[in-house]
């Protein structure tokens, strides 16, 4: 790379941008929400994948059990287990929550990086206020989506 004045030599390292003060409620909220959404996304991803793998295993077992002449009770029970597993997936919406929470976590991380780099919407002097407003906007959007999904399925009682 070339430095100022077209002088040959190594480029200067970019100085690290200092993080906000330790007792900054906005920064604490951002970090807390990134952690929450990241954790919930991972939990829902794991639950969704385990549920689907279990469903696939039972579904793959069903024709084998039927083919070897197992009692009707066994094949019927396996079929019922598949229905219950699919119903649980529909009821708890693990895949949808995984995707929604991951999206929100990544959007919050994006805001954090822009803020630390003093880029995008954080070029102005009121950048800290801008950060607080954008964090709350992202969280409010996700909460509105969650509320809407809960209203569409009135039988669900589970909290976020």
C-alpha atoms as a PDB file:
ATOM      1  CA  UNK A   1       0.000   0.000   0.000  1.00  0.00           C
ATOM      2  CA  UNK A   2       1.009   3.576  -0.392  1.00  0.00           C
ATOM      3  CA  UNK A   3       1.008   6.049   2.463  1.00  0.00           C
ATOM      4  CA  UNK A   4       0.416   9.800   2.367  1.00  0.00           C
ATOM      5  CA  UNK A   5       2.636  11.625  -0.078  1.00  0.00           C
ATOM      6  CA  UNK A   6       3.078   8.459  -2.134  1.00  0.00           C
ATOM      7  CA  UNK A   7       5.900   7.375   0.175  1.00  0.00           C
ATOM      8  CA  UNK A   8       6.671   3.669  -0.108  1.00  0.00           C
ATOM      9  CA  UNK A   9       6.366   1.584   3.029  1.00  0.00           C
ATOM     10  CA  UNK A  10       3.798  -0.282   5.041  1.00  0.00           C
ATOM     11  CA  UNK A  11       0.354   1.201   5.532  1.00  0.00           C
ATOM     12  CA  UNK A  12      -0.455   2.546   8.972  1.00  0.00           C
ATOM     13  CA  UNK A  13      -2.742   0.387  11.056  1.00  0.00           C
ATOM     14  CA  UNK A  14      -6.184   1.795  11.651  1.00  0.00           C
ATOM     15  CA  UNK A  15      -6.542   2.967  15.235  1.00  0.00           C
ATOM     16  CA  UNK A  16      -9.020   0.999  17.280  1.00  0.00           C
ATOM     17  CA  UNK A  17     -12.258   2.834  17.923  1.00  0.00           C
ATOM     18  CA  UNK A  18     -12.867   3.054  21.669  1.00  0.00           C
ATOM     19  CA  UNK A  19     -15.979   1.389  23.005  1.00  0.00           C
ATOM     20  CA  UNK A  20     -18.490   3.442  24.976  1.00  0.00           C
ATOM     21  CA  UNK A  21     -18.056   3.951  28.706  1.00  0.00           C
ATOM     22  CA  UNK A  22     -18.510   0.973  31.008  1.00  0.00           C
ATOM     23  CA  UNK A  23     -21.723   2.337  32.585  1.00  0.00           C
ATOM     24  CA  UNK A  24     -23.480   3.153  29.324  1.00  0.00           C
ATOM     25  CA  UNK A  25     -27.084   1.887  29.425  1.00  0.00           C
ATOM     26  CA  UNK A  26     -27.435   2.104  25.640  1.00  0.00           C
ATOM     27  CA  UNK A  27     -24.339   0.001  25.041  1.00  0.00           C
ATOM     28  CA  UNK A  28     -25.375  -2.435  27.801  1.00  0.00           C
ATOM     29  CA  UNK A  29     -28.794  -2.781  26.184  1.00  0.00           C
ATOM     30  CA  UNK A  30     -27.225  -3.433  22.785  1.00  0.00           C
ATOM     31  CA  UNK A  31     -24.881  -6.109  24.115  1.00  0.00           C
ATOM     32  CA  UNK A  32     -27.645  -7.679  26.218  1.00  0.00           C
ATOM     33  CA  UNK A  33     -30.021  -7.870  23.257  1.00  0.00           C
ATOM     34  CA  UNK A  34     -27.368  -9.279  20.918  1.00  0.00           C
ATOM     35  CA  UNK A  35     -26.663 -11.993  23.484  1.00  0.00           C
ATOM     36  CA  UNK A  36     -30.367 -12.712  24.039  1.00  0.00           C
ATOM     37  CA  UNK A  37     -31.257 -12.959  20.349  1.00  0.00           C
ATOM     38  CA  UNK A  38     -28.115 -14.951  19.566  1.00  0.00           C
ATOM     39  CA  UNK A  39     -28.845 -17.447  22.357  1.00  0.00           C
ATOM     40  CA  UNK A  40     -32.530 -17.783  21.502  1.00  0.00           C
ATOM     41  CA  UNK A  41     -31.727 -18.236  17.819  1.00  0.00           C
ATOM     42  CA  UNK A  42     -29.268 -21.030  18.610  1.00  0.00           C
ATOM     43  CA  UNK A  43     -31.727 -22.696  21.007  1.00  0.00           C
ATOM     44  CA  UNK A  44     -34.517 -22.638  18.446  1.00  0.00           C
ATOM     45  CA  UNK A  45     -32.211 -23.877  15.684  1.00  0.00           C
ATOM     46  CA  UNK A  46     -31.113 -26.808  17.836  1.00  0.00           C
ATOM     47  CA  UNK A  47     -34.701 -27.680  18.813  1.00  0.00           C
ATOM     48  CA  UNK A  48     -35.905 -27.453  15.220  1.00  0.00           C
ATOM     49  CA  UNK A  49     -33.111 -29.677  13.895  1.00  0.00           C
ATOM     50  CA  UNK A  50     -33.506 -32.290  16.636  1.00  0.00           C
ATOM     51  CA  UNK A  51     -37.262 -32.386  16.139  1.00  0.00           C
ATOM     52  CA  UNK A  52     -36.860 -32.783  12.382  1.00  0.00           C
ATOM     53  CA  UNK A  53     -34.173 -35.463  12.739  1.00  0.00           C
ATOM     54  CA  UNK A  54     -36.371 -37.405  15.142  1.00  0.00           C
ATOM     55  CA  UNK A  55     -39.305 -37.078  12.761  1.00  0.00           C
ATOM     56  CA  UNK A  56     -37.177 -38.296   9.836  1.00  0.00           C
ATOM     57  CA  UNK A  57     -35.872 -41.255  11.843  1.00  0.00           C
ATOM     58  CA  UNK A  58     -39.378 -42.325  12.848  1.00  0.00           C
ATOM     59  CA  UNK A  59     -40.663 -41.808   9.300  1.00  0.00           C
ATOM     60  CA  UNK A  60     -37.804 -43.913   7.886  1.00  0.00           C
ATOM     61  CA  UNK A  61     -38.524 -46.663  10.410  1.00  0.00           C
ATOM     62  CA  UNK A  62     -42.227 -46.821   9.588  1.00  0.00           C
ATOM     63  CA  UNK A  63     -42.020 -48.603   6.193  1.00  0.00           C
ATOM     64  CA  UNK A  64     -39.435 -51.049   7.531  1.00  0.00           C
ATOM     65  CA  UNK A  65     -41.640 -51.934  10.490  1.00  0.00           C
ATOM     66  CA  UNK A  66     -44.676 -52.283   8.225  1.00  0.00           C
ATOM     67  CA  UNK A  67     -42.682 -54.374   5.735  1.00  0.00           C
ATOM     68  CA  UNK A  68     -41.606 -56.964   8.289  1.00  0.00           C
ATOM     69  CA  UNK A  69     -45.189 -57.520   9.352  1.00  0.00           C
ATOM     70  CA  UNK A  70     -45.168 -55.816  12.722  1.00  0.00           C
ATOM     71  CA  UNK A  71     -48.459 -55.516  14.543  1.00  0.00           C
ATOM     72  CA  UNK A  72     -50.761 -52.725  13.429  1.00  0.00           C
ATOM     73  CA  UNK A  73     -50.396 -51.151  16.862  1.00  0.00           C
ATOM     74  CA  UNK A  74     -46.644 -50.595  16.258  1.00  0.00           C
ATOM     75  CA  UNK A  75     -47.076 -49.044  12.804  1.00  0.00           C
ATOM     76  CA  UNK A  76     -49.999 -46.954  14.017  1.00  0.00           C
ATOM     77  CA  UNK A  77     -48.007 -45.701  16.982  1.00  0.00           C
ATOM     78  CA  UNK A  78     -45.071 -44.702  14.758  1.00  0.00           C
ATOM     79  CA  UNK A  79     -47.440 -42.849  12.429  1.00  0.00           C
ATOM     80  CA  UNK A  80     -48.996 -41.071  15.422  1.00  0.00           C
ATOM     81  CA  UNK A  81     -45.527 -40.052  16.667  1.00  0.00           C
ATOM     82  CA  UNK A  82     -44.823 -38.430  13.275  1.00  0.00           C
ATOM     83  CA  UNK A  83     -48.075 -36.469  13.501  1.00  0.00           C
ATOM     84  CA  UNK A  84     -47.265 -35.339  17.053  1.00  0.00           C
ATOM     85  CA  UNK A  85     -43.728 -34.259  16.077  1.00  0.00           C
ATOM     86  CA  UNK A  86     -45.014 -32.265  13.107  1.00  0.00           C
ATOM     87  CA  UNK A  87     -47.719 -30.737  15.283  1.00  0.00           C
ATOM     88  CA  UNK A  88     -45.142 -29.695  17.871  1.00  0.00           C
ATOM     89  CA  UNK A  89     -43.077 -28.018  15.152  1.00  0.00           C
ATOM     90  CA  UNK A  90     -46.130 -26.139  13.949  1.00  0.00           C
ATOM     91  CA  UNK A  91     -47.160 -25.173  17.477  1.00  0.00           C
ATOM     92  CA  UNK A  92     -43.782 -23.946  18.739  1.00  0.00           C
ATOM     93  CA  UNK A  93     -42.524 -22.473  15.440  1.00  0.00           C
ATOM     94  CA  UNK A  94     -38.868 -23.338  16.142  1.00  0.00           C
ATOM     95  CA  UNK A  95     -37.722 -22.724  12.557  1.00  0.00           C
ATOM     96  CA  UNK A  96     -39.483 -19.364  12.250  1.00  0.00           C
ATOM     97  CA  UNK A  97     -38.148 -18.181  15.620  1.00  0.00           C
ATOM     98  CA  UNK A  98     -34.660 -19.366  14.749  1.00  0.00           C
ATOM     99  CA  UNK A  99     -34.685 -17.297  11.552  1.00  0.00           C
ATOM    100  CA  UNK A 100     -36.348 -14.236  13.091  1.00  0.00           C
ATOM    101  CA  UNK A 101     -34.067 -14.165  16.116  1.00  0.00           C
ATOM    102  CA  UNK A 102     -30.960 -14.711  13.978  1.00  0.00           C
ATOM    103  CA  UNK A 103     -32.019 -11.864  11.691  1.00  0.00           C
ATOM    104  CA  UNK A 104     -32.519  -9.512  14.635  1.00  0.00           C
ATOM    105  CA  UNK A 105     -29.192 -10.522  16.239  1.00  0.00           C
ATOM    106  CA  UNK A 106     -27.336  -9.882  12.974  1.00  0.00           C
ATOM    107  CA  UNK A 107     -29.070  -6.524  12.480  1.00  0.00           C
ATOM    108  CA  UNK A 108     -28.038  -5.482  16.003  1.00  0.00           C
ATOM    109  CA  UNK A 109     -24.449  -6.581  15.332  1.00  0.00           C
ATOM    110  CA  UNK A 110     -24.526  -4.538  12.124  1.00  0.00           C
ATOM    111  CA  UNK A 111     -25.544  -1.460  14.114  1.00  0.00           C
ATOM    112  CA  UNK A 112     -22.763  -2.118  16.631  1.00  0.00           C
ATOM    113  CA  UNK A 113     -20.115  -2.291  13.896  1.00  0.00           C
ATOM    114  CA  UNK A 114     -21.374   0.843  12.165  1.00  0.00           C
ATOM    115  CA  UNK A 115     -21.436   2.700  15.482  1.00  0.00           C
ATOM    116  CA  UNK A 116     -17.907   1.645  16.412  1.00  0.00           C
ATOM    117  CA  UNK A 117     -16.648   2.630  12.958  1.00  0.00           C
ATOM    118  CA  UNK A 118     -18.508   5.950  13.067  1.00  0.00           C
ATOM    119  CA  UNK A 119     -20.024   5.056   9.712  1.00  0.00           C
ATOM    120  CA  UNK A 120     -23.411   5.188   8.027  1.00  0.00           C
ATOM    121  CA  UNK A 121     -26.030   6.762  10.289  1.00  0.00           C
ATOM    122  CA  UNK A 122     -23.412   7.318  12.998  1.00  0.00           C
ATOM    123  CA  UNK A 123     -21.438  10.075  11.289  1.00  0.00           C
ATOM    124  CA  UNK A 124     -23.239  12.892  13.078  1.00  0.00           C
ATOM    125  CA  UNK A 125     -22.571  14.304  16.525  1.00  0.00           C
ATOM    126  CA  UNK A 126     -25.751  12.739  17.949  1.00  0.00           C
ATOM    127  CA  UNK A 127     -24.608   9.239  17.065  1.00  0.00           C
ATOM    128  CA  UNK A 128     -25.195   7.830  20.552  1.00  0.00           C
ATOM    129  CA  UNK A 129     -28.816   8.966  20.480  1.00  0.00           C
ATOM    130  CA  UNK A 130     -29.092   7.524  16.974  1.00  0.00           C
ATOM    131  CA  UNK A 131     -27.775   4.181  18.248  1.00  0.00           C
ATOM    132  CA  UNK A 132     -30.366   4.045  21.034  1.00  0.00           C
ATOM    133  CA  UNK A 133     -33.193   4.845  18.617  1.00  0.00           C
ATOM    134  CA  UNK A 134     -32.080   2.280  16.046  1.00  0.00           C
ATOM    135  CA  UNK A 135     -31.609  -0.456  18.660  1.00  0.00           C
ATOM    136  CA  UNK A 136     -35.098   0.118  20.017  1.00  0.00           C
ATOM    137  CA  UNK A 137     -36.494   0.246  16.485  1.00  0.00           C
ATOM    138  CA  UNK A 138     -35.056  -3.177  15.647  1.00  0.00           C
ATOM    139  CA  UNK A 139     -36.285  -4.681  18.909  1.00  0.00           C
ATOM    140  CA  UNK A 140     -39.732  -3.152  18.424  1.00  0.00           C
ATOM    141  CA  UNK A 141     -39.965  -4.573  14.898  1.00  0.00           C
ATOM    142  CA  UNK A 142     -39.137  -8.060  16.117  1.00  0.00           C
ATOM    143  CA  UNK A 143     -41.582  -7.747  19.017  1.00  0.00           C
ATOM    144  CA  UNK A 144     -44.341  -6.615  16.637  1.00  0.00           C
ATOM    145  CA  UNK A 145     -43.686  -9.674  14.440  1.00  0.00           C
ATOM    146  CA  UNK A 146     -43.798 -11.938  17.474  1.00  0.00           C
ATOM    147  CA  UNK A 147     -47.032 -10.353  18.733  1.00  0.00           C
ATOM    148  CA  UNK A 148     -48.596 -10.739  15.304  1.00  0.00           C
ATOM    149  CA  UNK A 149     -47.630 -14.419  15.129  1.00  0.00           C
ATOM    150  CA  UNK A 150     -49.107 -15.006  18.597  1.00  0.00           C
ATOM    151  CA  UNK A 151     -52.385 -13.362  17.607  1.00  0.00           C
ATOM    152  CA  UNK A 152     -52.591 -15.518  14.485  1.00  0.00           C
ATOM    153  CA  UNK A 153     -52.394 -18.655  16.625  1.00  0.00           C
ATOM    154  CA  UNK A 154     -54.757 -17.930  19.561  1.00  0.00           C
ATOM    155  CA  UNK A 155     -54.271 -21.368  21.150  1.00  0.00           C
ATOM    156  CA  UNK A 156     -50.611 -20.771  21.968  1.00  0.00           C
ATOM    157  CA  UNK A 157     -49.744 -19.834  25.534  1.00  0.00           C
ATOM    158  CA  UNK A 158     -45.925 -19.936  25.350  1.00  0.00           C
ATOM    159  CA  UNK A 159     -43.868 -16.821  26.097  1.00  0.00           C
ATOM    160  CA  UNK A 160     -41.019 -15.672  23.920  1.00  0.00           C
END
